[in-house]
């Protein structure tokens, strides 16, 4: 499958894309579920600049939306990532209704898989425009990735503002100083570049409410 699709898309046999995908749906072993096959045809279509074919595949074979590029265990990504990388509103809008659990998306490329925590990203992390941000939030993609278990940590800088929401526009709820203990409950899906540091806003418990501090000033992974 991973060899056939690039061939038919790159050498002028585009009309065969959907019939081939339908035939594959009939023949593939359903018992393995949605995370066991080769390169996703939808992803291949997007990467080869065949957005029209990708849309046709999504419509005709919606099961393919959740298939993962596969060269080994957990080293690929689902089609939503390719749509985000292409900054395609139309493709993303077609894919989102077919995803029922944003926390379960395999969204990293394989190199990123080796460098990142599997659960610290969602589609918002890879959005490339404000328009895409609005679309993802409209479809219920969480702005904050909640940790399954709270994490304790401490501050590594002083006079750090705690804000009412992620970003510098949030109201100031108070300040924290070097060594102050904190309880971390989650992090923003979006990454921000502040003071020459690219990171997330960290959600913490602060005076009985949720507060947000920038990752740069937190020793995040202390247990």
C-alpha atoms as a PDB file:
ATOM      1  CA  UNK A   1       0.000   0.000   0.000  1.00  0.00           C
ATOM      2  CA  UNK A   2       2.745   2.480   0.933  1.00  0.00           C
ATOM      3  CA  UNK A   3       4.413   1.953  -2.466  1.00  0.00           C
ATOM      4  CA  UNK A   4       1.277   1.909  -4.609  1.00  0.00           C
ATOM      5  CA  UNK A   5      -0.283   5.179  -3.453  1.00  0.00           C
ATOM      6  CA  UNK A   6       2.681   7.474  -4.116  1.00  0.00           C
ATOM      7  CA  UNK A   7       3.016   5.838  -7.548  1.00  0.00           C
ATOM      8  CA  UNK A   8      -0.577   6.347  -8.651  1.00  0.00           C
ATOM      9  CA  UNK A   9      -0.678   9.913  -7.303  1.00  0.00           C
ATOM     10  CA  UNK A  10       2.634  11.002  -8.804  1.00  0.00           C
ATOM     11  CA  UNK A  11       2.271   9.320 -12.202  1.00  0.00           C
ATOM     12  CA  UNK A  12      -1.193  10.392 -13.270  1.00  0.00           C
ATOM     13  CA  UNK A  13      -3.398   7.534 -12.053  1.00  0.00           C
ATOM     14  CA  UNK A  14      -5.357   9.586  -9.537  1.00  0.00           C
ATOM     15  CA  UNK A  15      -8.711   8.053 -10.512  1.00  0.00           C
ATOM     16  CA  UNK A  16      -7.545   4.788  -8.988  1.00  0.00           C
ATOM     17  CA  UNK A  17      -6.936   6.265  -5.518  1.00  0.00           C
ATOM     18  CA  UNK A  18     -10.413   5.899  -4.016  1.00  0.00           C
ATOM     19  CA  UNK A  19     -11.207   2.461  -5.567  1.00  0.00           C
ATOM     20  CA  UNK A  20      -7.877   1.152  -4.299  1.00  0.00           C
ATOM     21  CA  UNK A  21      -8.568   2.525  -0.819  1.00  0.00           C
ATOM     22  CA  UNK A  22     -12.005   0.883  -0.804  1.00  0.00           C
ATOM     23  CA  UNK A  23     -10.507  -2.429  -1.887  1.00  0.00           C
ATOM     24  CA  UNK A  24      -7.950  -2.160   0.895  1.00  0.00           C
ATOM     25  CA  UNK A  25     -10.747  -1.572   3.430  1.00  0.00           C
ATOM     26  CA  UNK A  26     -12.387  -4.839   2.366  1.00  0.00           C
ATOM     27  CA  UNK A  27      -9.168  -6.857   2.381  1.00  0.00           C
ATOM     28  CA  UNK A  28      -7.409  -5.554   5.455  1.00  0.00           C
ATOM     29  CA  UNK A  29      -7.569  -7.536   8.677  1.00  0.00           C
ATOM     30  CA  UNK A  30      -9.952  -5.591  10.890  1.00  0.00           C
ATOM     31  CA  UNK A  31      -8.777  -7.423  14.001  1.00  0.00           C
ATOM     32  CA  UNK A  32      -5.662  -5.272  14.235  1.00  0.00           C
ATOM     33  CA  UNK A  33      -7.611  -2.053  14.635  1.00  0.00           C
ATOM     34  CA  UNK A  34      -6.618   1.363  13.304  1.00  0.00           C
ATOM     35  CA  UNK A  35      -2.956   1.572  14.290  1.00  0.00           C
ATOM     36  CA  UNK A  36      -1.264  -1.254  12.486  1.00  0.00           C
ATOM     37  CA  UNK A  37      -0.886  -0.452   8.794  1.00  0.00           C
ATOM     38  CA  UNK A  38       1.447   1.244   6.382  1.00  0.00           C
ATOM     39  CA  UNK A  39       1.675   4.852   5.271  1.00  0.00           C
ATOM     40  CA  UNK A  40      -1.713   6.542   5.418  1.00  0.00           C
ATOM     41  CA  UNK A  41      -3.054   7.190   1.875  1.00  0.00           C
ATOM     42  CA  UNK A  42      -4.650  10.441   3.080  1.00  0.00           C
ATOM     43  CA  UNK A  43      -1.275  11.602   4.367  1.00  0.00           C
ATOM     44  CA  UNK A  44       0.391  10.595   1.119  1.00  0.00           C
ATOM     45  CA  UNK A  45      -2.173  12.570  -0.888  1.00  0.00           C
ATOM     46  CA  UNK A  46      -1.598  15.675   1.250  1.00  0.00           C
ATOM     47  CA  UNK A  47       2.196  15.368   1.033  1.00  0.00           C
ATOM     48  CA  UNK A  48       2.038  15.084  -2.764  1.00  0.00           C
ATOM     49  CA  UNK A  49      -0.157  18.208  -3.006  1.00  0.00           C
ATOM     50  CA  UNK A  50      -3.267  16.255  -3.977  1.00  0.00           C
ATOM     51  CA  UNK A  51      -5.683  17.858  -1.539  1.00  0.00           C
ATOM     52  CA  UNK A  52      -8.655  17.015  -3.772  1.00  0.00           C
ATOM     53  CA  UNK A  53      -7.737  13.318  -3.614  1.00  0.00           C
ATOM     54  CA  UNK A  54      -7.294  13.561   0.158  1.00  0.00           C
ATOM     55  CA  UNK A  55     -10.776  15.033   0.527  1.00  0.00           C
ATOM     56  CA  UNK A  56     -12.241  12.283  -1.663  1.00  0.00           C
ATOM     57  CA  UNK A  57     -10.481   9.637   0.429  1.00  0.00           C
ATOM     58  CA  UNK A  58     -11.795  11.152   3.665  1.00  0.00           C
ATOM     59  CA  UNK A  59     -15.333  11.120   2.291  1.00  0.00           C
ATOM     60  CA  UNK A  60     -15.177   7.627   0.758  1.00  0.00           C
ATOM     61  CA  UNK A  61     -12.997   5.889   3.379  1.00  0.00           C
ATOM     62  CA  UNK A  62     -13.369   7.738   6.714  1.00  0.00           C
ATOM     63  CA  UNK A  63     -11.728   4.827   8.556  1.00  0.00           C
ATOM     64  CA  UNK A  64      -8.411   5.963   7.051  1.00  0.00           C
ATOM     65  CA  UNK A  65      -8.430   9.215   9.027  1.00  0.00           C
ATOM     66  CA  UNK A  66      -7.159   7.373  12.127  1.00  0.00           C
ATOM     67  CA  UNK A  67      -4.621   5.136  10.384  1.00  0.00           C
ATOM     68  CA  UNK A  68      -1.011   5.722  11.404  1.00  0.00           C
ATOM     69  CA  UNK A  69       2.073   5.847   9.178  1.00  0.00           C
ATOM     70  CA  UNK A  70       3.832   2.678  10.244  1.00  0.00           C
ATOM     71  CA  UNK A  71       7.484   1.668  10.020  1.00  0.00           C
ATOM     72  CA  UNK A  72       7.719   0.378  13.586  1.00  0.00           C
ATOM     73  CA  UNK A  73       5.862   0.766  16.860  1.00  0.00           C
ATOM     74  CA  UNK A  74       4.377   4.239  17.382  1.00  0.00           C
ATOM     75  CA  UNK A  75       6.643   6.022  14.921  1.00  0.00           C
ATOM     76  CA  UNK A  76       4.156   7.653  12.598  1.00  0.00           C
ATOM     77  CA  UNK A  77       1.296  10.131  12.717  1.00  0.00           C
ATOM     78  CA  UNK A  78      -2.342  10.353  11.722  1.00  0.00           C
ATOM     79  CA  UNK A  79      -3.699  12.365   8.807  1.00  0.00           C
ATOM     80  CA  UNK A  80      -4.709  15.315  11.009  1.00  0.00           C
ATOM     81  CA  UNK A  81      -1.012  16.153  11.443  1.00  0.00           C
ATOM     82  CA  UNK A  82      -0.432  16.288   7.689  1.00  0.00           C
ATOM     83  CA  UNK A  83      -3.459  18.587   7.324  1.00  0.00           C
ATOM     84  CA  UNK A  84      -2.094  20.879  10.046  1.00  0.00           C
ATOM     85  CA  UNK A  85       1.361  20.940   8.480  1.00  0.00           C
ATOM     86  CA  UNK A  86      -0.286  21.974   5.199  1.00  0.00           C
ATOM     87  CA  UNK A  87      -2.300  24.622   7.108  1.00  0.00           C
ATOM     88  CA  UNK A  88      -5.374  23.402   5.219  1.00  0.00           C
ATOM     89  CA  UNK A  89      -8.605  24.584   6.804  1.00  0.00           C
ATOM     90  CA  UNK A  90     -10.694  22.497   4.409  1.00  0.00           C
ATOM     91  CA  UNK A  91      -8.869  19.246   5.149  1.00  0.00           C
ATOM     92  CA  UNK A  92      -8.784  19.857   8.882  1.00  0.00           C
ATOM     93  CA  UNK A  93     -12.489  20.671   8.925  1.00  0.00           C
ATOM     94  CA  UNK A  94     -13.200  17.404   7.089  1.00  0.00           C
ATOM     95  CA  UNK A  95     -11.068  15.327   9.477  1.00  0.00           C
ATOM     96  CA  UNK A  96     -12.035  16.757  12.879  1.00  0.00           C
ATOM     97  CA  UNK A  97     -15.619  15.367  13.027  1.00  0.00           C
ATOM     98  CA  UNK A  98     -14.176  11.872  12.521  1.00  0.00           C
ATOM     99  CA  UNK A  99     -12.039  12.087  15.675  1.00  0.00           C
ATOM    100  CA  UNK A 100     -13.919  11.322  18.876  1.00  0.00           C
ATOM    101  CA  UNK A 101     -11.020  11.548  21.329  1.00  0.00           C
ATOM    102  CA  UNK A 102      -8.365  14.217  20.806  1.00  0.00           C
ATOM    103  CA  UNK A 103      -6.262  12.784  23.634  1.00  0.00           C
ATOM    104  CA  UNK A 104      -5.777   9.528  21.710  1.00  0.00           C
ATOM    105  CA  UNK A 105      -4.422  11.056  18.504  1.00  0.00           C
ATOM    106  CA  UNK A 106      -1.020   9.875  17.340  1.00  0.00           C
ATOM    107  CA  UNK A 107       0.123  13.304  16.208  1.00  0.00           C
ATOM    108  CA  UNK A 108       3.930  13.184  16.244  1.00  0.00           C
ATOM    109  CA  UNK A 109       6.200  12.334  13.338  1.00  0.00           C
ATOM    110  CA  UNK A 110       8.630   9.542  14.155  1.00  0.00           C
ATOM    111  CA  UNK A 111      11.648  11.750  14.933  1.00  0.00           C
ATOM    112  CA  UNK A 112       9.536  13.834  17.299  1.00  0.00           C
ATOM    113  CA  UNK A 113       8.319  10.638  18.959  1.00  0.00           C
ATOM    114  CA  UNK A 114      11.845   9.969  20.155  1.00  0.00           C
ATOM    115  CA  UNK A 115      12.271  13.469  21.554  1.00  0.00           C
ATOM    116  CA  UNK A 116       8.893  14.265  23.145  1.00  0.00           C
ATOM    117  CA  UNK A 117       6.444  13.012  25.712  1.00  0.00           C
ATOM    118  CA  UNK A 118       3.786  11.062  23.787  1.00  0.00           C
ATOM    119  CA  UNK A 119       0.969  12.845  25.661  1.00  0.00           C
ATOM    120  CA  UNK A 120       2.101  16.484  25.668  1.00  0.00           C
ATOM    121  CA  UNK A 121       0.561  17.610  22.361  1.00  0.00           C
ATOM    122  CA  UNK A 122      -2.749  17.800  20.526  1.00  0.00           C
ATOM    123  CA  UNK A 123      -3.760  19.391  17.186  1.00  0.00           C
ATOM    124  CA  UNK A 124      -3.453  22.916  18.622  1.00  0.00           C
ATOM    125  CA  UNK A 125       0.255  22.287  19.216  1.00  0.00           C
ATOM    126  CA  UNK A 126       0.870  22.128  15.462  1.00  0.00           C
ATOM    127  CA  UNK A 127      -1.549  24.802  14.281  1.00  0.00           C
ATOM    128  CA  UNK A 128       0.192  27.374  12.070  1.00  0.00           C
ATOM    129  CA  UNK A 129      -2.344  30.187  12.012  1.00  0.00           C
ATOM    130  CA  UNK A 130      -4.899  31.997  14.167  1.00  0.00           C
ATOM    131  CA  UNK A 131      -7.621  30.867  11.763  1.00  0.00           C
ATOM    132  CA  UNK A 132      -6.651  27.250  12.393  1.00  0.00           C
ATOM    133  CA  UNK A 133      -6.554  27.874  16.157  1.00  0.00           C
ATOM    134  CA  UNK A 134     -10.129  29.156  16.039  1.00  0.00           C
ATOM    135  CA  UNK A 135     -11.293  26.171  13.993  1.00  0.00           C
ATOM    136  CA  UNK A 136      -9.703  23.664  16.382  1.00  0.00           C
ATOM    137  CA  UNK A 137     -11.112  25.370  19.468  1.00  0.00           C
ATOM    138  CA  UNK A 138     -14.538  25.518  17.811  1.00  0.00           C
ATOM    139  CA  UNK A 139     -14.412  21.735  17.400  1.00  0.00           C
ATOM    140  CA  UNK A 140     -13.539  21.232  21.046  1.00  0.00           C
ATOM    141  CA  UNK A 141      -9.800  20.608  20.874  1.00  0.00           C
ATOM    142  CA  UNK A 142      -8.658  21.346  24.453  1.00  0.00           C
ATOM    143  CA  UNK A 143      -6.571  24.458  24.999  1.00  0.00           C
ATOM    144  CA  UNK A 144      -5.092  22.842  28.128  1.00  0.00           C
ATOM    145  CA  UNK A 145      -3.707  19.309  28.180  1.00  0.00           C
ATOM    146  CA  UNK A 146      -4.607  17.936  31.607  1.00  0.00           C
ATOM    147  CA  UNK A 147      -2.169  15.614  33.342  1.00  0.00           C
ATOM    148  CA  UNK A 148      -3.614  12.317  34.504  1.00  0.00           C
ATOM    149  CA  UNK A 149      -1.737  12.798  37.763  1.00  0.00           C
ATOM    150  CA  UNK A 150      -0.761  16.097  39.332  1.00  0.00           C
ATOM    151  CA  UNK A 151       2.957  16.838  39.510  1.00  0.00           C
ATOM    152  CA  UNK A 152       4.782  18.686  42.253  1.00  0.00           C
ATOM    153  CA  UNK A 153       7.600  21.044  41.382  1.00  0.00           C
ATOM    154  CA  UNK A 154       9.193  24.360  42.348  1.00  0.00           C
ATOM    155  CA  UNK A 155      10.043  27.728  40.855  1.00  0.00           C
ATOM    156  CA  UNK A 156      13.496  28.421  39.436  1.00  0.00           C
ATOM    157  CA  UNK A 157      13.082  32.216  39.189  1.00  0.00           C
ATOM    158  CA  UNK A 158      11.609  35.008  41.286  1.00  0.00           C
ATOM    159  CA  UNK A 159       8.935  37.665  40.828  1.00  0.00           C
ATOM    160  CA  UNK A 160       7.073  35.452  38.305  1.00  0.00           C
ATOM    161  CA  UNK A 161       3.502  36.515  37.522  1.00  0.00           C
ATOM    162  CA  UNK A 162       0.719  33.964  37.894  1.00  0.00           C
ATOM    163  CA  UNK A 163      -1.951  34.680  35.292  1.00  0.00           C
ATOM    164  CA  UNK A 164      -5.635  33.855  34.943  1.00  0.00           C
ATOM    165  CA  UNK A 165      -5.202  32.229  31.508  1.00  0.00           C
ATOM    166  CA  UNK A 166      -2.344  31.126  29.245  1.00  0.00           C
ATOM    167  CA  UNK A 167      -0.595  34.094  27.663  1.00  0.00           C
ATOM    168  CA  UNK A 168       0.589  37.531  28.666  1.00  0.00           C
ATOM    169  CA  UNK A 169      -2.929  38.972  28.366  1.00  0.00           C
ATOM    170  CA  UNK A 170      -4.225  37.021  31.372  1.00  0.00           C
ATOM    171  CA  UNK A 171      -4.963  38.957  34.554  1.00  0.00           C
ATOM    172  CA  UNK A 172      -2.235  38.846  37.197  1.00  0.00           C
ATOM    173  CA  UNK A 173      -3.359  36.730  40.156  1.00  0.00           C
ATOM    174  CA  UNK A 174      -0.162  37.058  42.175  1.00  0.00           C
ATOM    175  CA  UNK A 175       3.536  36.239  42.090  1.00  0.00           C
ATOM    176  CA  UNK A 176       5.812  33.289  42.845  1.00  0.00           C
ATOM    177  CA  UNK A 177       9.470  33.301  43.805  1.00  0.00           C
ATOM    178  CA  UNK A 178      12.496  31.043  43.591  1.00  0.00           C
ATOM    179  CA  UNK A 179      11.986  27.800  45.504  1.00  0.00           C
ATOM    180  CA  UNK A 180       8.219  28.169  45.926  1.00  0.00           C
ATOM    181  CA  UNK A 181       6.518  24.771  45.727  1.00  0.00           C
ATOM    182  CA  UNK A 182       3.768  24.332  43.126  1.00  0.00           C
ATOM    183  CA  UNK A 183       1.299  21.662  42.042  1.00  0.00           C
ATOM    184  CA  UNK A 184       1.079  21.305  38.254  1.00  0.00           C
ATOM    185  CA  UNK A 185      -2.209  20.090  36.774  1.00  0.00           C
ATOM    186  CA  UNK A 186      -1.592  20.556  33.029  1.00  0.00           C
ATOM    187  CA  UNK A 187      -0.014  22.607  30.272  1.00  0.00           C
ATOM    188  CA  UNK A 188      -1.111  24.619  27.267  1.00  0.00           C
ATOM    189  CA  UNK A 189      -1.245  22.738  23.981  1.00  0.00           C
ATOM    190  CA  UNK A 190       0.117  25.786  22.183  1.00  0.00           C
ATOM    191  CA  UNK A 191       3.776  26.695  22.447  1.00  0.00           C
ATOM    192  CA  UNK A 192       4.825  30.318  22.964  1.00  0.00           C
ATOM    193  CA  UNK A 193       8.138  32.097  22.444  1.00  0.00           C
ATOM    194  CA  UNK A 194       8.751  34.391  25.408  1.00  0.00           C
ATOM    195  CA  UNK A 195      12.119  35.785  26.467  1.00  0.00           C
ATOM    196  CA  UNK A 196      13.855  33.669  23.801  1.00  0.00           C
ATOM    197  CA  UNK A 197      12.331  30.465  25.217  1.00  0.00           C
ATOM    198  CA  UNK A 198       9.844  28.272  23.353  1.00  0.00           C
ATOM    199  CA  UNK A 199       7.491  26.523  25.752  1.00  0.00           C
ATOM    200  CA  UNK A 200       4.031  26.017  27.199  1.00  0.00           C
ATOM    201  CA  UNK A 201       2.076  27.809  29.869  1.00  0.00           C
ATOM    202  CA  UNK A 202       1.870  25.549  32.904  1.00  0.00           C
ATOM    203  CA  UNK A 203      -1.433  25.176  34.749  1.00  0.00           C
ATOM    204  CA  UNK A 204      -1.034  25.167  38.537  1.00  0.00           C
ATOM    205  CA  UNK A 205      -3.129  25.280  41.688  1.00  0.00           C
ATOM    206  CA  UNK A 206      -2.911  28.801  43.093  1.00  0.00           C
ATOM    207  CA  UNK A 207      -4.853  30.121  46.082  1.00  0.00           C
ATOM    208  CA  UNK A 208      -7.785  27.792  45.471  1.00  0.00           C
ATOM    209  CA  UNK A 209      -8.031  28.422  41.713  1.00  0.00           C
ATOM    210  CA  UNK A 210      -6.243  27.644  38.472  1.00  0.00           C
ATOM    211  CA  UNK A 211      -3.310  29.844  37.574  1.00  0.00           C
ATOM    212  CA  UNK A 212      -0.817  29.847  34.706  1.00  0.00           C
ATOM    213  CA  UNK A 213       2.934  30.452  34.660  1.00  0.00           C
ATOM    214  CA  UNK A 214       5.354  30.209  31.787  1.00  0.00           C
ATOM    215  CA  UNK A 215       7.335  26.969  31.552  1.00  0.00           C
ATOM    216  CA  UNK A 216      10.702  28.742  31.499  1.00  0.00           C
ATOM    217  CA  UNK A 217      10.430  29.562  35.197  1.00  0.00           C
ATOM    218  CA  UNK A 218       9.361  26.097  36.400  1.00  0.00           C
ATOM    219  CA  UNK A 219      11.318  22.983  37.241  1.00  0.00           C
ATOM    220  CA  UNK A 220       8.566  21.027  35.558  1.00  0.00           C
ATOM    221  CA  UNK A 221       9.407  17.350  35.975  1.00  0.00           C
ATOM    222  CA  UNK A 222      10.144  17.064  39.679  1.00  0.00           C
ATOM    223  CA  UNK A 223       7.954  14.325  41.218  1.00  0.00           C
END
